[in-house]
Every structure is written in structure tokens, then in C-alpha cells.
Amino acid sequence: MILQLGVSRIFERFKAMPSFMAGLLVTAVGVAVLGMARAGAAWLIFVGIFLFAIGEMISSPRIQEYITWIAPKEKAGLYMGSNFLSVMIGGFTSGFIYTTLYGASNGRGRSRAGVVRDGRAPGRGSARAHGVPAHGRGVPRAGGLRNDGRPAAPPSARAAGGHATSLVP
């Protein structure tokens, strides 16, 4: 907030559109720096955020000034409201979009049918889509015991699709 006063003071001497374009350029450079940042380079993240903030400080007041300049006097409020419509739509939909994408990337997303899945499209390598229990529970392993501690079915029962307890003479 302290920098906003200085940045505004510097760029009020220039015309609205060149200032706005310069602000967009600085913002784009900040986003590019953030895109190149790695987890071990915290200073690069700070530089990217700083450049993005400076670009926003340059462009935001200038575009508002430009909108009020091009709008008819009686419709200035309508033009400004239209400018902030994208902010409202982004704020309203970001929660839904972000949580859906974040959940899908962490294996807790929802499919189109609303069924919780393991983060992969059913039928494309998804263990649950192919009937394999999650985390290998109940799958026979070496030594004749299943992962849950119960005895594994004999090979003849597995071939028939049954369990050891279903083989009653």
C-alpha cells in the first residue's frame, strides 16, 4: 500500500493507455518469473510477486481512468460496473473451480456423475475402475495370507471366483 502512492505519483504524468500497457507488461513479467520459480528459489517467488504487484499498481488506476474517459457522462457508472463484472464472476466461480481441480489432483475429485473417484479417469488405469480394492486390502500375497490377515483362498477357489470359506463339502 505504501508503494501505491509512489507508483501512482510517477505514472500520473503519462497518458492512460501507455501507462496501462506498461503495467500489463510488468505484470506479465512477474507472472513469467513466478512460472520459472522453483521450490528452492524463494527469492524468485518474491521477485515475481513484487513485479506482479507493481504492474497491478500501474495498470489498475489507469484503466479505470480510461473507462471513465471513454464512457458517456450518464453511463459512467454502468461502464465501471461492467469493468468489475469480471472480478465478480472470478470471485464467485473461483471457489468451485479451484476446489474441484485441487481435489482431482489430490485423488479426491468428483467425476461428472458426482461419484468420488481416485483422481484418475475410470477405465484408464484406475485401480477402483477395475475392481481392485484401494490400498491392496484383501489382495492375496505371498505366504498364503491376505493383506488384512485372513487366510488366502486356495488356487482352485480363486480360479472359480470363490473364497476358502465357500468350499464346503
N, C-alpha and C. Protein backbone atom coordinates (compact mmCIF):
# COMPACT_ATOMS: atom_id res chain seq x y z
N MET A 1 0.82 -1.20 0.00
CA MET A 1 0.00 0.00 0.00
C MET A 1 0.87 1.26 0.00
N ILE A 2 2.00 1.18 0.64
CA ILE A 2 2.89 2.34 0.68
C ILE A 2 3.43 2.64 -0.72
N LEU A 3 3.76 1.60 -1.46
CA LEU A 3 4.28 1.79 -2.81
C LEU A 3 3.23 2.35 -3.77
N GLN A 4 1.95 2.11 -3.50
CA GLN A 4 0.89 2.57 -4.40
C GLN A 4 0.94 4.09 -4.59
N LEU A 5 1.20 4.82 -3.54
CA LEU A 5 1.25 6.28 -3.64
C LEU A 5 2.40 6.72 -4.55
N GLY A 6 3.56 6.13 -4.38
CA GLY A 6 4.71 6.50 -5.21
C GLY A 6 4.53 6.10 -6.66
N VAL A 7 4.01 4.90 -6.89
CA VAL A 7 3.80 4.42 -8.25
C VAL A 7 2.74 5.28 -8.95
N SER A 8 1.68 5.60 -8.25
CA SER A 8 0.63 6.46 -8.83
C SER A 8 1.18 7.84 -9.15
N ARG A 9 2.01 8.37 -8.28
CA ARG A 9 2.59 9.70 -8.49
C ARG A 9 3.49 9.71 -9.74
N ILE A 10 4.23 8.65 -9.93
CA ILE A 10 5.12 8.57 -11.10
C ILE A 10 4.32 8.45 -12.39
N PHE A 11 3.32 7.57 -12.41
CA PHE A 11 2.62 7.28 -13.65
C PHE A 11 1.44 8.20 -13.94
N GLU A 12 1.12 9.14 -13.06
CA GLU A 12 0.07 10.10 -13.37
C GLU A 12 0.52 11.13 -14.41
N ARG A 13 1.81 11.22 -14.63
CA ARG A 13 2.34 12.16 -15.62
C ARG A 13 2.18 11.65 -17.05
N PHE A 14 1.91 10.36 -17.21
CA PHE A 14 1.81 9.76 -18.55
C PHE A 14 0.35 9.58 -18.93
N LYS A 15 0.11 9.36 -20.20
CA LYS A 15 -1.24 9.11 -20.68
C LYS A 15 -1.73 7.77 -20.17
N ALA A 16 -3.07 7.60 -20.18
CA ALA A 16 -3.67 6.42 -19.57
C ALA A 16 -3.29 5.12 -20.29
N MET A 17 -3.43 5.08 -21.60
CA MET A 17 -3.18 3.81 -22.31
C MET A 17 -1.72 3.37 -22.27
N PRO A 18 -0.75 4.25 -22.51
CA PRO A 18 0.65 3.78 -22.38
C PRO A 18 0.97 3.32 -20.95
N SER A 19 0.43 3.98 -19.96
CA SER A 19 0.66 3.55 -18.57
C SER A 19 0.02 2.19 -18.32
N PHE A 20 -1.18 2.01 -18.84
CA PHE A 20 -1.87 0.73 -18.67
C PHE A 20 -1.09 -0.39 -19.34
N MET A 21 -0.60 -0.15 -20.55
CA MET A 21 0.17 -1.17 -21.27
C MET A 21 1.49 -1.48 -20.55
N ALA A 22 2.13 -0.46 -20.00
CA ALA A 22 3.36 -0.69 -19.23
C ALA A 22 3.06 -1.53 -18.00
N GLY A 23 1.94 -1.25 -17.34
CA GLY A 23 1.55 -2.04 -16.18
C GLY A 23 1.28 -3.48 -16.53
N LEU A 24 0.62 -3.71 -17.68
CA LEU A 24 0.38 -5.08 -18.12
C LEU A 24 1.68 -5.80 -18.43
N LEU A 25 2.62 -5.09 -19.01
CA LEU A 25 3.92 -5.69 -19.32
C LEU A 25 4.65 -6.10 -18.04
N VAL A 26 4.67 -5.22 -17.06
CA VAL A 26 5.33 -5.54 -15.78
C VAL A 26 4.62 -6.71 -15.10
N THR A 27 3.29 -6.73 -15.17
CA THR A 27 2.52 -7.83 -14.59
C THR A 27 2.86 -9.15 -15.29
N ALA A 28 2.95 -9.11 -16.62
CA ALA A 28 3.29 -10.32 -17.38
C ALA A 28 4.69 -10.82 -17.04
N VAL A 29 5.62 -9.91 -16.85
CA VAL A 29 6.98 -10.31 -16.47
C VAL A 29 6.94 -10.96 -15.08
N GLY A 30 6.14 -10.41 -14.17
CA GLY A 30 6.00 -11.00 -12.84
C GLY A 30 5.44 -12.41 -12.89
N VAL A 31 4.45 -12.62 -13.74
CA VAL A 31 3.87 -13.96 -13.88
C VAL A 31 4.90 -14.91 -14.51
N ALA A 32 5.66 -14.43 -15.47
CA ALA A 32 6.70 -15.27 -16.09
C ALA A 32 7.76 -15.66 -15.06
N VAL A 33 8.15 -14.73 -14.21
CA VAL A 33 9.13 -15.04 -13.16
C VAL A 33 8.56 -16.06 -12.20
N LEU A 34 7.29 -15.92 -11.84
CA LEU A 34 6.65 -16.91 -10.97
C LEU A 34 6.60 -18.27 -11.64
N GLY A 35 6.37 -18.29 -12.95
CA GLY A 35 6.35 -19.56 -13.67
C GLY A 35 7.70 -20.25 -13.70
N MET A 36 8.77 -19.49 -13.67
CA MET A 36 10.12 -20.06 -13.68
C MET A 36 10.63 -20.42 -12.29
N ALA A 37 9.95 -19.96 -11.25
CA ALA A 37 10.42 -20.18 -9.88
C ALA A 37 10.33 -21.65 -9.51
N ARG A 38 11.26 -22.08 -8.73
CA ARG A 38 11.27 -23.43 -8.21
C ARG A 38 11.11 -23.35 -6.69
N ALA A 39 10.83 -24.49 -6.09
CA ALA A 39 10.60 -24.51 -4.65
C ALA A 39 11.81 -24.05 -3.86
N GLY A 40 13.00 -24.30 -4.35
CA GLY A 40 14.21 -23.92 -3.63
C GLY A 40 14.61 -22.46 -3.81
N ALA A 41 13.95 -21.75 -4.71
CA ALA A 41 14.32 -20.36 -5.01
C ALA A 41 13.23 -19.41 -4.49
N ALA A 42 13.19 -19.26 -3.18
CA ALA A 42 12.16 -18.41 -2.58
C ALA A 42 12.31 -16.95 -3.02
N TRP A 43 13.53 -16.50 -3.25
CA TRP A 43 13.74 -15.12 -3.66
C TRP A 43 13.11 -14.86 -5.02
N LEU A 44 13.08 -15.87 -5.89
CA LEU A 44 12.48 -15.71 -7.21
C LEU A 44 10.95 -15.58 -7.09
N ILE A 45 10.38 -16.27 -6.15
CA ILE A 45 8.94 -16.14 -5.90
C ILE A 45 8.61 -14.74 -5.42
N PHE A 46 9.42 -14.22 -4.51
CA PHE A 46 9.19 -12.86 -4.02
C PHE A 46 9.35 -11.82 -5.12
N VAL A 47 10.34 -12.01 -6.00
CA VAL A 47 10.54 -11.09 -7.12
C VAL A 47 9.33 -11.12 -8.04
N GLY A 48 8.81 -12.32 -8.34
CA GLY A 48 7.65 -12.45 -9.20
C GLY A 48 6.42 -11.78 -8.61
N ILE A 49 6.19 -11.99 -7.32
CA ILE A 49 5.04 -11.36 -6.66
C ILE A 49 5.21 -9.85 -6.62
N PHE A 50 6.43 -9.37 -6.37
CA PHE A 50 6.69 -7.94 -6.33
C PHE A 50 6.42 -7.30 -7.69
N LEU A 51 6.92 -7.92 -8.76
CA LEU A 51 6.69 -7.38 -10.10
C LEU A 51 5.20 -7.40 -10.46
N PHE A 52 4.53 -8.48 -10.10
CA PHE A 52 3.10 -8.56 -10.37
C PHE A 52 2.35 -7.44 -9.64
N ALA A 53 2.70 -7.21 -8.38
CA ALA A 53 2.04 -6.16 -7.60
C ALA A 53 2.32 -4.77 -8.18
N ILE A 54 3.56 -4.52 -8.58
CA ILE A 54 3.90 -3.22 -9.17
C ILE A 54 3.13 -3.02 -10.47
N GLY A 55 3.07 -4.06 -11.31
CA GLY A 55 2.30 -3.97 -12.55
C GLY A 55 0.84 -3.69 -12.31
N GLU A 56 0.29 -4.32 -11.29
CA GLU A 56 -1.11 -4.06 -10.94
C GLU A 56 -1.30 -2.64 -10.43
N MET A 57 -0.35 -2.15 -9.66
CA MET A 57 -0.43 -0.77 -9.17
C MET A 57 -0.38 0.24 -10.31
N ILE A 58 0.35 -0.09 -11.36
CA ILE A 58 0.46 0.81 -12.51
C ILE A 58 -0.82 0.76 -13.34
N SER A 59 -1.30 -0.44 -13.64
CA SER A 59 -2.38 -0.57 -14.62
C SER A 59 -3.78 -0.36 -14.07
N SER A 60 -4.05 -0.77 -12.86
CA SER A 60 -5.41 -0.72 -12.35
C SER A 60 -6.01 0.69 -12.30
N PRO A 61 -5.34 1.68 -11.70
CA PRO A 61 -5.95 3.02 -11.68
C PRO A 61 -6.06 3.64 -13.08
N ARG A 62 -5.12 3.30 -13.95
CA ARG A 62 -5.12 3.90 -15.28
C ARG A 62 -6.25 3.35 -16.15
N ILE A 63 -6.58 2.09 -16.02
CA ILE A 63 -7.69 1.55 -16.82
C ILE A 63 -9.01 2.11 -16.33
N GLN A 64 -9.13 2.31 -15.03
CA GLN A 64 -10.35 2.93 -14.50
C GLN A 64 -10.49 4.36 -15.01
N GLU A 65 -9.39 5.06 -15.05
CA GLU A 65 -9.42 6.42 -15.59
C GLU A 65 -9.81 6.41 -17.06
N TYR A 66 -9.26 5.47 -17.81
CA TYR A 66 -9.56 5.38 -19.23
C TYR A 66 -11.03 5.05 -19.46
N ILE A 67 -11.59 4.16 -18.66
CA ILE A 67 -13.01 3.79 -18.81
C ILE A 67 -13.91 4.98 -18.54
N THR A 68 -13.63 5.74 -17.50
CA THR A 68 -14.45 6.92 -17.22
C THR A 68 -14.26 7.99 -18.29
N TRP A 69 -13.12 8.01 -18.96
CA TRP A 69 -12.87 8.98 -20.02
C TRP A 69 -13.65 8.64 -21.28
N ILE A 70 -13.74 7.33 -21.64
CA ILE A 70 -14.44 6.96 -22.88
C ILE A 70 -15.95 6.83 -22.69
N ALA A 71 -16.41 6.67 -21.46
CA ALA A 71 -17.84 6.47 -21.21
C ALA A 71 -18.60 7.79 -21.31
N PRO A 72 -19.84 7.74 -21.85
CA PRO A 72 -20.69 8.93 -21.79
C PRO A 72 -20.94 9.29 -20.32
N LYS A 73 -21.11 10.57 -20.04
CA LYS A 73 -21.24 11.03 -18.64
C LYS A 73 -22.37 10.31 -17.91
N GLU A 74 -23.50 10.10 -18.60
CA GLU A 74 -24.65 9.50 -17.92
C GLU A 74 -24.50 7.98 -17.74
N LYS A 75 -23.51 7.37 -18.39
CA LYS A 75 -23.32 5.93 -18.28
C LYS A 75 -21.97 5.54 -17.66
N ALA A 76 -21.33 6.44 -16.99
CA ALA A 76 -20.01 6.16 -16.41
C ALA A 76 -20.10 5.04 -15.37
N GLY A 77 -21.13 5.06 -14.55
CA GLY A 77 -21.30 4.01 -13.54
C GLY A 77 -21.52 2.64 -14.17
N LEU A 78 -22.29 2.60 -15.26
CA LEU A 78 -22.54 1.35 -15.97
C LEU A 78 -21.24 0.79 -16.56
N TYR A 79 -20.42 1.65 -17.11
CA TYR A 79 -19.15 1.22 -17.68
C TYR A 79 -18.20 0.71 -16.58
N MET A 80 -18.18 1.39 -15.46
CA MET A 80 -17.31 0.94 -14.36
C MET A 80 -17.82 -0.38 -13.79
N GLY A 81 -19.14 -0.52 -13.69
CA GLY A 81 -19.70 -1.79 -13.23
C GLY A 81 -19.37 -2.92 -14.17
N SER A 82 -19.40 -2.65 -15.46
CA SER A 82 -19.03 -3.68 -16.45
C SER A 82 -17.56 -4.06 -16.32
N ASN A 83 -16.73 -3.09 -15.98
CA ASN A 83 -15.31 -3.37 -15.77
C ASN A 83 -15.11 -4.33 -14.60
N PHE A 84 -15.88 -4.19 -13.54
CA PHE A 84 -15.73 -5.04 -12.36
C PHE A 84 -16.57 -6.30 -12.42
N LEU A 85 -17.32 -6.49 -13.51
CA LEU A 85 -18.12 -7.71 -13.66
C LEU A 85 -17.22 -8.94 -13.72
N SER A 86 -16.10 -8.84 -14.38
CA SER A 86 -15.18 -9.98 -14.46
C SER A 86 -14.61 -10.33 -13.08
N VAL A 87 -14.39 -9.34 -12.26
CA VAL A 87 -13.89 -9.59 -10.89
C VAL A 87 -14.95 -10.34 -10.09
N MET A 88 -16.21 -9.94 -10.25
CA MET A 88 -17.30 -10.62 -9.54
C MET A 88 -17.45 -12.07 -10.01
N ILE A 89 -17.41 -12.28 -11.31
CA ILE A 89 -17.55 -13.64 -11.84
C ILE A 89 -16.37 -14.51 -11.39
N GLY A 90 -15.16 -13.96 -11.44
CA GLY A 90 -13.99 -14.70 -10.98
C GLY A 90 -14.06 -15.03 -9.51
N GLY A 91 -14.47 -14.08 -8.70
CA GLY A 91 -14.59 -14.33 -7.27
C GLY A 91 -15.67 -15.35 -6.94
N PHE A 92 -16.75 -15.34 -7.70
CA PHE A 92 -17.85 -16.26 -7.45
C PHE A 92 -17.50 -17.68 -7.87
N THR A 93 -16.88 -17.84 -9.03
CA THR A 93 -16.62 -19.18 -9.55
C THR A 93 -15.28 -19.77 -9.11
N SER A 94 -14.38 -18.96 -8.58
CA SER A 94 -13.06 -19.49 -8.24
C SER A 94 -13.12 -20.57 -7.17
N GLY A 95 -14.01 -20.44 -6.22
CA GLY A 95 -14.12 -21.46 -5.18
C GLY A 95 -14.52 -22.81 -5.73
N PHE A 96 -15.50 -22.83 -6.62
CA PHE A 96 -15.94 -24.09 -7.21
C PHE A 96 -14.86 -24.69 -8.10
N ILE A 97 -14.29 -23.86 -8.95
CA ILE A 97 -13.30 -24.35 -9.90
C ILE A 97 -12.04 -24.81 -9.18
N TYR A 98 -11.56 -24.00 -8.25
CA TYR A 98 -10.32 -24.33 -7.55
C TYR A 98 -10.46 -25.60 -6.73
N THR A 99 -11.53 -25.72 -5.96
CA THR A 99 -11.66 -26.91 -5.12
C THR A 99 -11.84 -28.17 -5.95
N THR A 100 -12.53 -28.07 -7.09
CA THR A 100 -12.69 -29.24 -7.95
C THR A 100 -11.35 -29.66 -8.54
N LEU A 101 -10.58 -28.70 -9.05
CA LEU A 101 -9.28 -29.03 -9.63
C LEU A 101 -8.30 -29.52 -8.57
N TYR A 102 -8.30 -28.87 -7.42
CA TYR A 102 -7.40 -29.27 -6.34
C TYR A 102 -7.75 -30.67 -5.84
N GLY A 103 -9.03 -30.92 -5.68
CA GLY A 103 -9.45 -32.25 -5.24
C GLY A 103 -9.11 -33.33 -6.25
N ALA A 104 -9.28 -33.03 -7.53
CA ALA A 104 -8.97 -34.02 -8.56
C ALA A 104 -7.47 -34.31 -8.60
N SER A 105 -6.66 -33.31 -8.37
CA SER A 105 -5.21 -33.54 -8.41
C SER A 105 -4.71 -34.27 -7.18
N ASN A 106 -5.48 -34.28 -6.11
CA ASN A 106 -5.08 -34.98 -4.89
C ASN A 106 -5.84 -36.28 -4.70
N GLY A 107 -6.54 -36.74 -5.74
CA GLY A 107 -7.22 -38.02 -5.63
C GLY A 107 -8.56 -37.95 -4.94
N ARG A 108 -9.10 -36.77 -4.71
CA ARG A 108 -10.39 -36.66 -4.05
C ARG A 108 -11.38 -35.87 -4.90
N GLY A 109 -11.18 -35.87 -6.19
CA GLY A 109 -12.05 -35.11 -7.09
C GLY A 109 -13.38 -35.81 -7.29
N ARG A 110 -14.26 -35.16 -7.98
CA ARG A 110 -15.56 -35.74 -8.28
C ARG A 110 -15.70 -35.86 -9.79
N SER A 111 -16.25 -36.98 -10.22
CA SER A 111 -16.47 -37.16 -11.64
C SER A 111 -17.72 -36.39 -12.04
N ARG A 112 -18.04 -36.41 -13.32
CA ARG A 112 -19.22 -35.68 -13.78
C ARG A 112 -20.49 -36.22 -13.14
N ALA A 113 -20.50 -37.50 -12.81
CA ALA A 113 -21.68 -38.09 -12.19
C ALA A 113 -21.74 -37.78 -10.70
N GLY A 114 -20.71 -37.14 -10.16
CA GLY A 114 -20.70 -36.80 -8.74
C GLY A 114 -20.16 -37.91 -7.86
N VAL A 115 -19.59 -38.96 -8.46
CA VAL A 115 -19.07 -40.08 -7.70
C VAL A 115 -17.62 -39.80 -7.35
N VAL A 116 -17.29 -39.98 -6.09
CA VAL A 116 -15.91 -39.74 -5.68
C VAL A 116 -15.04 -40.82 -6.31
N ARG A 117 -13.93 -40.39 -6.89
CA ARG A 117 -13.03 -41.33 -7.53
C ARG A 117 -11.61 -41.07 -7.05
N ASP A 118 -10.69 -41.88 -7.52
CA ASP A 118 -9.33 -41.82 -7.02
C ASP A 118 -8.45 -40.84 -7.78
N GLY A 119 -8.99 -39.90 -8.53
CA GLY A 119 -8.21 -38.89 -9.19
C GLY A 119 -7.86 -39.21 -10.62
N ARG A 120 -8.16 -40.43 -11.07
CA ARG A 120 -7.89 -40.81 -12.45
C ARG A 120 -9.21 -41.15 -13.13
N ALA A 121 -9.24 -40.99 -14.42
CA ALA A 121 -10.47 -41.28 -15.17
C ALA A 121 -10.79 -42.77 -15.08
N PRO A 122 -12.04 -43.13 -14.79
CA PRO A 122 -12.39 -44.55 -14.72
C PRO A 122 -12.08 -45.26 -16.03
N GLY A 123 -11.53 -46.46 -15.92
CA GLY A 123 -11.23 -47.25 -17.10
C GLY A 123 -9.87 -46.93 -17.71
N ARG A 124 -9.15 -45.97 -17.19
CA ARG A 124 -7.84 -45.61 -17.74
C ARG A 124 -6.77 -45.80 -16.66
N GLY A 125 -6.59 -46.99 -16.22
CA GLY A 125 -5.56 -47.27 -15.24
C GLY A 125 -6.02 -47.11 -13.80
N SER A 126 -7.26 -46.79 -13.60
CA SER A 126 -7.76 -46.61 -12.24
C SER A 126 -7.97 -47.98 -11.61
N ALA A 127 -7.38 -48.18 -10.45
CA ALA A 127 -7.50 -49.46 -9.77
C ALA A 127 -8.95 -49.74 -9.39
N ARG A 128 -9.67 -48.76 -8.90
CA ARG A 128 -11.04 -48.97 -8.48
C ARG A 128 -11.96 -49.26 -9.66
N ALA A 129 -11.65 -48.70 -10.83
CA ALA A 129 -12.48 -48.96 -12.00
C ALA A 129 -12.37 -50.41 -12.43
N HIS A 130 -11.28 -51.08 -12.08
CA HIS A 130 -11.08 -52.47 -12.48
C HIS A 130 -11.37 -53.43 -11.34
N GLY A 131 -11.99 -52.97 -10.29
CA GLY A 131 -12.41 -53.83 -9.19
C GLY A 131 -11.32 -54.16 -8.19
N VAL A 132 -10.19 -53.52 -8.24
CA VAL A 132 -9.12 -53.78 -7.29
C VAL A 132 -9.36 -52.91 -6.07
N PRO A 133 -9.37 -53.51 -4.89
CA PRO A 133 -9.60 -52.72 -3.69
C PRO A 133 -8.52 -51.66 -3.50
N ALA A 134 -8.89 -50.57 -2.87
CA ALA A 134 -7.94 -49.49 -2.59
C ALA A 134 -6.87 -49.95 -1.62
N HIS A 135 -5.65 -49.52 -1.81
CA HIS A 135 -4.51 -49.77 -0.93
C HIS A 135 -4.18 -51.25 -0.82
N GLY A 136 -4.65 -52.10 -1.73
CA GLY A 136 -4.30 -53.51 -1.73
C GLY A 136 -4.94 -54.32 -0.63
N ARG A 137 -5.95 -53.79 0.06
CA ARG A 137 -6.59 -54.54 1.15
C ARG A 137 -7.31 -55.75 0.56
N GLY A 138 -7.10 -56.90 1.16
CA GLY A 138 -7.79 -58.10 0.74
C GLY A 138 -7.15 -58.81 -0.44
N VAL A 139 -6.07 -58.28 -0.98
CA VAL A 139 -5.41 -58.91 -2.12
C VAL A 139 -4.45 -59.97 -1.60
N PRO A 140 -4.52 -61.22 -2.15
CA PRO A 140 -3.61 -62.27 -1.67
C PRO A 140 -2.16 -61.90 -1.91
N ARG A 141 -1.31 -62.28 -0.99
CA ARG A 141 0.12 -62.04 -1.14
C ARG A 141 0.87 -63.32 -0.81
N ALA A 142 2.16 -63.30 -0.96
CA ALA A 142 2.97 -64.49 -0.71
C ALA A 142 2.82 -64.93 0.73
N GLY A 143 2.85 -66.24 0.96
CA GLY A 143 2.74 -66.77 2.31
C GLY A 143 1.34 -67.23 2.64
N GLY A 144 0.39 -67.11 1.73
CA GLY A 144 -0.95 -67.62 1.96
C GLY A 144 -1.84 -66.72 2.78
N LEU A 145 -1.37 -65.51 3.16
CA LEU A 145 -2.20 -64.59 3.91
C LEU A 145 -2.55 -63.39 3.05
N ARG A 146 -3.74 -62.88 3.26
CA ARG A 146 -4.13 -61.66 2.58
C ARG A 146 -3.59 -60.48 3.38
N ASN A 147 -3.64 -59.27 2.80
CA ASN A 147 -3.13 -58.08 3.48
C ASN A 147 -3.92 -57.76 4.74
N ASP A 148 -5.15 -58.27 4.84
CA ASP A 148 -5.93 -57.98 6.04
C ASP A 148 -5.78 -59.07 7.10
N GLY A 149 -4.85 -60.05 6.89
CA GLY A 149 -4.55 -61.05 7.90
C GLY A 149 -5.33 -62.34 7.77
N ARG A 150 -6.38 -62.38 6.95
CA ARG A 150 -7.15 -63.61 6.79
C ARG A 150 -6.43 -64.56 5.84
N PRO A 151 -6.68 -65.88 5.96
CA PRO A 151 -6.03 -66.83 5.05
C PRO A 151 -6.51 -66.61 3.61
N ALA A 152 -5.61 -66.79 2.67
CA ALA A 152 -5.96 -66.66 1.26
C ALA A 152 -6.71 -67.89 0.80
N ALA A 153 -7.52 -67.75 -0.22
CA ALA A 153 -8.26 -68.88 -0.78
C ALA A 153 -7.28 -69.78 -1.53
N PRO A 154 -7.54 -71.09 -1.53
CA PRO A 154 -6.68 -71.98 -2.32
C PRO A 154 -6.78 -71.64 -3.80
N PRO A 155 -5.77 -72.01 -4.61
CA PRO A 155 -5.79 -71.67 -6.04
C PRO A 155 -7.04 -72.14 -6.75
N SER A 156 -7.58 -73.30 -6.40
CA SER A 156 -8.79 -73.80 -7.07
C SER A 156 -9.98 -72.90 -6.78
N ALA A 157 -10.08 -72.38 -5.56
CA ALA A 157 -11.19 -71.50 -5.20
C ALA A 157 -11.04 -70.15 -5.89
N ARG A 158 -9.78 -69.66 -6.01
CA ARG A 158 -9.57 -68.38 -6.70
C ARG A 158 -9.94 -68.49 -8.18
N ALA A 159 -9.62 -69.62 -8.79
CA ALA A 159 -9.95 -69.81 -10.20
C ALA A 159 -11.45 -69.84 -10.39
N ALA A 160 -12.18 -70.38 -9.42
CA ALA A 160 -13.64 -70.45 -9.51
C ALA A 160 -14.29 -69.15 -9.06
N GLY A 161 -13.50 -68.23 -8.52
CA GLY A 161 -14.04 -66.95 -8.08
C GLY A 161 -14.56 -66.97 -6.67
N GLY A 162 -14.32 -68.04 -5.93
CA GLY A 162 -14.82 -68.15 -4.56
C GLY A 162 -13.76 -67.86 -3.54
N HIS A 163 -14.08 -68.08 -2.29
CA HIS A 163 -13.15 -67.89 -1.18
C HIS A 163 -12.97 -69.22 -0.46
N ALA A 164 -11.99 -69.30 0.41
CA ALA A 164 -11.71 -70.54 1.14
C ALA A 164 -12.92 -70.96 1.98
N THR A 165 -13.67 -70.02 2.48
CA THR A 165 -14.82 -70.36 3.32
C THR A 165 -16.01 -70.85 2.50
N SER A 166 -16.00 -70.65 1.19
CA SER A 166 -17.13 -71.09 0.36
C SER A 166 -16.98 -72.53 -0.12
N LEU A 167 -15.83 -73.16 0.21
CA LEU A 167 -15.60 -74.55 -0.22
C LEU A 167 -16.08 -75.51 0.85
N VAL A 168 -17.37 -75.69 0.94
CA VAL A 168 -17.95 -76.59 1.93
C VAL A 168 -18.29 -77.90 1.22
N PRO A 169 -17.82 -79.09 1.74
CA PRO A 169 -18.08 -80.37 1.07
C PRO A 169 -19.54 -80.79 1.16
